[in-house]
Amino acid sequence: MTPRYVKLVNELFRNQPCRTMRSPPGRKKLVTSFRLSVRYTKAADAGHTNAMNNLGNLLSDRLDPPDLDGARRWYTKAADAGDTDAAKNLSILSAKIRSTR
């Protein structure tokens, strides 16, 4: 993550309580998927391609059932903005969508 992206996320969510779930011993607490999606959406709407790509990952991999159309939309936005990881994830997702239809 770029320092600018981390700074934006921290500024957006300073002084806001965050629900967490327990993680295995020795690991930091993890923020719930819902809370992550809210954070990533705000940062993605602000134009941060890392957040767009992370939101695509969240929608395609961590939700049950996955939101493949939403993930494709965010990967496409990030890829159009020049994010090479999002372009790779978009091609993987496209293959996944073709195999399920």
N, C-alpha and C. Protein backbone atom coordinates (compact mmCIF):
# COMPACT_ATOMS: atom_id res chain seq x y z
N MET A 1 0.84 -1.19 0.00
CA MET A 1 0.00 0.00 0.00
C MET A 1 0.88 1.24 0.00
N THR A 2 0.41 2.23 -0.71
CA THR A 2 1.17 3.47 -0.75
C THR A 2 0.90 4.27 0.52
N PRO A 3 1.86 5.05 0.97
CA PRO A 3 1.66 5.86 2.18
C PRO A 3 0.48 6.82 2.05
N ARG A 4 0.26 7.36 0.84
CA ARG A 4 -0.85 8.28 0.64
C ARG A 4 -2.20 7.57 0.86
N TYR A 5 -2.29 6.34 0.37
CA TYR A 5 -3.51 5.54 0.54
C TYR A 5 -3.75 5.23 2.01
N VAL A 6 -2.70 4.81 2.71
CA VAL A 6 -2.82 4.50 4.14
C VAL A 6 -3.22 5.75 4.91
N LYS A 7 -2.63 6.87 4.56
CA LYS A 7 -2.96 8.13 5.24
C LYS A 7 -4.43 8.49 5.02
N LEU A 8 -4.93 8.31 3.79
CA LEU A 8 -6.33 8.62 3.50
C LEU A 8 -7.26 7.74 4.32
N VAL A 9 -6.99 6.44 4.35
CA VAL A 9 -7.85 5.52 5.11
C VAL A 9 -7.83 5.88 6.58
N ASN A 10 -6.66 6.20 7.12
CA ASN A 10 -6.58 6.59 8.53
C ASN A 10 -7.34 7.87 8.81
N GLU A 11 -7.25 8.84 7.89
CA GLU A 11 -7.97 10.10 8.09
C GLU A 11 -9.48 9.90 8.01
N LEU A 12 -9.92 9.04 7.10
CA LEU A 12 -11.35 8.80 6.94
C LEU A 12 -11.96 8.14 8.17
N PHE A 13 -11.17 7.32 8.85
CA PHE A 13 -11.74 6.51 9.92
C PHE A 13 -11.17 6.79 11.29
N ARG A 14 -10.54 7.94 11.45
CA ARG A 14 -10.04 8.34 12.76
C ARG A 14 -11.24 8.57 13.68
N ASN A 15 -11.14 8.15 14.90
CA ASN A 15 -12.17 8.33 15.93
C ASN A 15 -13.46 7.57 15.64
N GLN A 16 -13.42 6.58 14.77
CA GLN A 16 -14.61 5.76 14.54
C GLN A 16 -14.36 4.38 15.14
N PRO A 17 -15.28 3.92 15.97
CA PRO A 17 -15.11 2.58 16.52
C PRO A 17 -15.22 1.54 15.41
N CYS A 18 -14.51 0.47 15.57
CA CYS A 18 -14.47 -0.56 14.54
C CYS A 18 -14.77 -1.91 15.17
N ARG A 19 -15.77 -2.62 14.66
CA ARG A 19 -16.06 -3.96 15.14
C ARG A 19 -15.01 -4.91 14.61
N THR A 20 -14.51 -5.76 15.45
CA THR A 20 -13.50 -6.72 15.02
C THR A 20 -13.94 -8.11 15.39
N MET A 21 -13.30 -9.09 14.77
CA MET A 21 -13.54 -10.47 15.14
C MET A 21 -12.25 -11.03 15.70
N ARG A 22 -12.36 -12.07 16.48
CA ARG A 22 -11.16 -12.66 17.06
C ARG A 22 -10.37 -13.36 15.99
N SER A 23 -9.08 -13.29 16.12
CA SER A 23 -8.20 -13.96 15.18
C SER A 23 -7.40 -15.01 15.94
N PRO A 24 -6.72 -15.89 15.21
CA PRO A 24 -5.91 -16.89 15.89
C PRO A 24 -4.88 -16.24 16.81
N PRO A 25 -4.46 -16.94 17.86
CA PRO A 25 -3.49 -16.37 18.79
C PRO A 25 -2.23 -15.89 18.06
N GLY A 26 -1.72 -14.74 18.50
CA GLY A 26 -0.51 -14.21 17.91
C GLY A 26 -0.73 -13.33 16.69
N ARG A 27 -1.96 -13.19 16.25
CA ARG A 27 -2.24 -12.35 15.09
C ARG A 27 -3.03 -11.14 15.50
N LYS A 28 -2.92 -10.08 14.71
CA LYS A 28 -3.68 -8.88 14.99
C LYS A 28 -5.15 -9.13 14.72
N LYS A 29 -6.01 -8.32 15.34
CA LYS A 29 -7.43 -8.45 15.09
C LYS A 29 -7.74 -8.06 13.65
N LEU A 30 -8.72 -8.71 13.09
CA LEU A 30 -9.10 -8.44 11.70
C LEU A 30 -10.39 -7.63 11.68
N VAL A 31 -10.47 -6.70 10.78
CA VAL A 31 -11.68 -5.91 10.63
C VAL A 31 -12.68 -6.74 9.83
N THR A 32 -13.95 -6.68 10.19
CA THR A 32 -14.94 -7.48 9.49
C THR A 32 -15.05 -7.07 8.04
N SER A 33 -15.54 -7.99 7.21
CA SER A 33 -15.67 -7.73 5.78
C SER A 33 -16.55 -6.53 5.49
N PHE A 34 -17.61 -6.37 6.26
CA PHE A 34 -18.50 -5.23 6.03
C PHE A 34 -17.77 -3.92 6.26
N ARG A 35 -17.04 -3.84 7.36
CA ARG A 35 -16.33 -2.61 7.69
C ARG A 35 -15.25 -2.33 6.64
N LEU A 36 -14.59 -3.39 6.20
CA LEU A 36 -13.59 -3.22 5.15
C LEU A 36 -14.23 -2.69 3.87
N SER A 37 -15.39 -3.22 3.52
CA SER A 37 -16.02 -2.77 2.28
C SER A 37 -16.40 -1.30 2.36
N VAL A 38 -16.82 -0.84 3.53
CA VAL A 38 -17.15 0.58 3.69
C VAL A 38 -15.88 1.41 3.52
N ARG A 39 -14.80 1.00 4.14
CA ARG A 39 -13.54 1.75 4.05
C ARG A 39 -13.01 1.76 2.63
N TYR A 40 -12.97 0.60 2.00
CA TYR A 40 -12.46 0.53 0.64
C TYR A 40 -13.33 1.32 -0.33
N THR A 41 -14.64 1.30 -0.13
CA THR A 41 -15.52 2.03 -1.03
C THR A 41 -15.27 3.53 -0.94
N LYS A 42 -15.11 4.04 0.27
CA LYS A 42 -14.83 5.47 0.43
C LYS A 42 -13.51 5.85 -0.21
N ALA A 43 -12.48 5.04 -0.01
CA ALA A 43 -11.18 5.34 -0.60
C ALA A 43 -11.21 5.17 -2.12
N ALA A 44 -11.95 4.16 -2.60
CA ALA A 44 -12.06 3.94 -4.05
C ALA A 44 -12.81 5.09 -4.70
N ASP A 45 -13.86 5.56 -4.06
CA ASP A 45 -14.60 6.71 -4.59
C ASP A 45 -13.73 7.96 -4.64
N ALA A 46 -12.72 8.01 -3.76
CA ALA A 46 -11.79 9.14 -3.76
C ALA A 46 -10.72 8.99 -4.84
N GLY A 47 -10.73 7.85 -5.57
CA GLY A 47 -9.83 7.66 -6.70
C GLY A 47 -8.60 6.82 -6.45
N HIS A 48 -8.54 6.12 -5.33
CA HIS A 48 -7.37 5.30 -5.02
C HIS A 48 -7.50 3.91 -5.64
N THR A 49 -6.59 3.62 -6.57
CA THR A 49 -6.68 2.36 -7.30
C THR A 49 -6.40 1.14 -6.42
N ASN A 50 -5.55 1.29 -5.39
CA ASN A 50 -5.33 0.17 -4.46
C ASN A 50 -6.63 -0.21 -3.78
N ALA A 51 -7.42 0.77 -3.40
CA ALA A 51 -8.69 0.50 -2.74
C ALA A 51 -9.66 -0.16 -3.70
N MET A 52 -9.66 0.27 -4.96
CA MET A 52 -10.53 -0.35 -5.97
C MET A 52 -10.18 -1.82 -6.14
N ASN A 53 -8.88 -2.10 -6.23
CA ASN A 53 -8.44 -3.49 -6.38
C ASN A 53 -8.76 -4.31 -5.14
N ASN A 54 -8.52 -3.74 -3.96
CA ASN A 54 -8.83 -4.45 -2.72
C ASN A 54 -10.33 -4.71 -2.57
N LEU A 55 -11.14 -3.76 -3.00
CA LEU A 55 -12.58 -3.95 -2.94
C LEU A 55 -13.01 -5.07 -3.88
N GLY A 56 -12.40 -5.12 -5.06
CA GLY A 56 -12.66 -6.24 -5.97
C GLY A 56 -12.29 -7.57 -5.35
N ASN A 57 -11.13 -7.62 -4.68
CA ASN A 57 -10.72 -8.86 -4.00
C ASN A 57 -11.72 -9.25 -2.92
N LEU A 58 -12.16 -8.28 -2.16
CA LEU A 58 -13.11 -8.54 -1.08
C LEU A 58 -14.41 -9.10 -1.64
N LEU A 59 -14.92 -8.47 -2.70
CA LEU A 59 -16.19 -8.91 -3.27
C LEU A 59 -16.10 -10.27 -3.94
N SER A 60 -14.96 -10.57 -4.55
CA SER A 60 -14.86 -11.84 -5.28
C SER A 60 -14.40 -13.01 -4.42
N ASP A 61 -13.64 -12.74 -3.36
CA ASP A 61 -13.03 -13.83 -2.60
C ASP A 61 -13.55 -14.01 -1.18
N ARG A 62 -13.97 -12.94 -0.54
CA ARG A 62 -14.30 -13.03 0.88
C ARG A 62 -15.78 -13.08 1.19
N LEU A 63 -16.62 -12.75 0.21
CA LEU A 63 -18.06 -12.81 0.45
C LEU A 63 -18.60 -14.19 0.10
N ASP A 64 -19.63 -14.58 0.77
CA ASP A 64 -20.28 -15.85 0.47
C ASP A 64 -21.78 -15.62 0.36
N PRO A 65 -22.36 -15.62 -0.81
CA PRO A 65 -21.78 -15.87 -2.13
C PRO A 65 -21.03 -14.65 -2.63
N PRO A 66 -20.06 -14.86 -3.52
CA PRO A 66 -19.27 -13.73 -4.02
C PRO A 66 -20.10 -12.82 -4.94
N ASP A 67 -19.76 -11.55 -4.96
CA ASP A 67 -20.39 -10.58 -5.84
C ASP A 67 -19.45 -10.36 -7.03
N LEU A 68 -19.54 -11.24 -8.02
CA LEU A 68 -18.61 -11.22 -9.14
C LEU A 68 -18.81 -10.00 -10.04
N ASP A 69 -20.06 -9.57 -10.20
CA ASP A 69 -20.31 -8.39 -11.03
C ASP A 69 -19.75 -7.13 -10.37
N GLY A 70 -19.92 -7.01 -9.07
CA GLY A 70 -19.36 -5.87 -8.34
C GLY A 70 -17.84 -5.89 -8.39
N ALA A 71 -17.25 -7.08 -8.24
CA ALA A 71 -15.79 -7.20 -8.30
C ALA A 71 -15.29 -6.80 -9.68
N ARG A 72 -15.99 -7.25 -10.72
CA ARG A 72 -15.57 -6.90 -12.08
C ARG A 72 -15.62 -5.38 -12.30
N ARG A 73 -16.67 -4.75 -11.77
CA ARG A 73 -16.79 -3.30 -11.92
C ARG A 73 -15.60 -2.58 -11.29
N TRP A 74 -15.20 -2.98 -10.05
CA TRP A 74 -14.09 -2.30 -9.37
C TRP A 74 -12.75 -2.63 -10.01
N TYR A 75 -12.54 -3.90 -10.42
CA TYR A 75 -11.30 -4.24 -11.11
C TYR A 75 -11.16 -3.44 -12.41
N THR A 76 -12.27 -3.28 -13.13
CA THR A 76 -12.23 -2.53 -14.39
C THR A 76 -11.87 -1.07 -14.16
N LYS A 77 -12.47 -0.46 -13.14
CA LYS A 77 -12.14 0.94 -12.82
C LYS A 77 -10.66 1.09 -12.48
N ALA A 78 -10.14 0.18 -11.67
CA ALA A 78 -8.74 0.26 -11.28
C ALA A 78 -7.82 -0.01 -12.46
N ALA A 79 -8.17 -0.99 -13.29
CA ALA A 79 -7.35 -1.29 -14.47
C ALA A 79 -7.35 -0.12 -15.45
N ASP A 80 -8.50 0.51 -15.63
CA ASP A 80 -8.58 1.68 -16.51
C ASP A 80 -7.73 2.84 -15.99
N ALA A 81 -7.55 2.89 -14.67
CA ALA A 81 -6.73 3.94 -14.06
C ALA A 81 -5.25 3.57 -14.04
N GLY A 82 -4.90 2.38 -14.56
CA GLY A 82 -3.50 2.00 -14.69
C GLY A 82 -2.97 1.01 -13.68
N ASP A 83 -3.82 0.40 -12.87
CA ASP A 83 -3.37 -0.56 -11.87
C ASP A 83 -3.17 -1.92 -12.54
N THR A 84 -1.92 -2.39 -12.61
CA THR A 84 -1.62 -3.64 -13.31
C THR A 84 -2.12 -4.86 -12.53
N ASP A 85 -2.11 -4.80 -11.19
CA ASP A 85 -2.64 -5.91 -10.40
C ASP A 85 -4.12 -6.09 -10.66
N ALA A 86 -4.84 -4.99 -10.78
CA ALA A 86 -6.28 -5.06 -11.05
C ALA A 86 -6.53 -5.65 -12.43
N ALA A 87 -5.68 -5.31 -13.40
CA ALA A 87 -5.83 -5.87 -14.74
C ALA A 87 -5.65 -7.39 -14.72
N LYS A 88 -4.67 -7.85 -13.93
CA LYS A 88 -4.44 -9.29 -13.80
C LYS A 88 -5.63 -9.95 -13.10
N ASN A 89 -6.11 -9.33 -12.03
CA ASN A 89 -7.26 -9.87 -11.31
C ASN A 89 -8.51 -9.88 -12.17
N LEU A 90 -8.66 -8.89 -13.04
CA LEU A 90 -9.81 -8.83 -13.94
C LEU A 90 -9.78 -9.99 -14.92
N SER A 91 -8.61 -10.33 -15.45
CA SER A 91 -8.53 -11.45 -16.38
C SER A 91 -8.82 -12.77 -15.67
N ILE A 92 -8.35 -12.92 -14.44
CA ILE A 92 -8.65 -14.13 -13.66
C ILE A 92 -10.14 -14.22 -13.37
N LEU A 93 -10.73 -13.10 -12.98
CA LEU A 93 -12.16 -13.08 -12.68
C LEU A 93 -12.99 -13.37 -13.93
N SER A 94 -12.58 -12.83 -15.07
CA SER A 94 -13.32 -13.09 -16.32
C SER A 94 -13.32 -14.57 -16.65
N ALA A 95 -12.19 -15.23 -16.44
CA ALA A 95 -12.13 -16.68 -16.67
C ALA A 95 -13.02 -17.43 -15.68
N LYS A 96 -13.06 -16.96 -14.44
CA LYS A 96 -13.91 -17.58 -13.43
C LYS A 96 -15.39 -17.42 -13.80
N ILE A 97 -15.77 -16.24 -14.27
CA ILE A 97 -17.16 -15.99 -14.65
C ILE A 97 -17.54 -16.85 -15.85
N ARG A 98 -16.65 -16.95 -16.85
CA ARG A 98 -16.95 -17.79 -18.03
C ARG A 98 -17.13 -19.24 -17.64
N SER A 99 -16.36 -19.72 -16.68
CA SER A 99 -16.43 -21.14 -16.30
C SER A 99 -17.69 -21.45 -15.50
N THR A 100 -18.30 -20.44 -14.86
CA THR A 100 -19.51 -20.69 -14.08
C THR A 100 -20.78 -20.52 -14.90
N ARG A 101 -20.69 -19.94 -16.09
CA ARG A 101 -21.90 -19.73 -16.91
C ARG A 101 -22.04 -20.73 -17.98
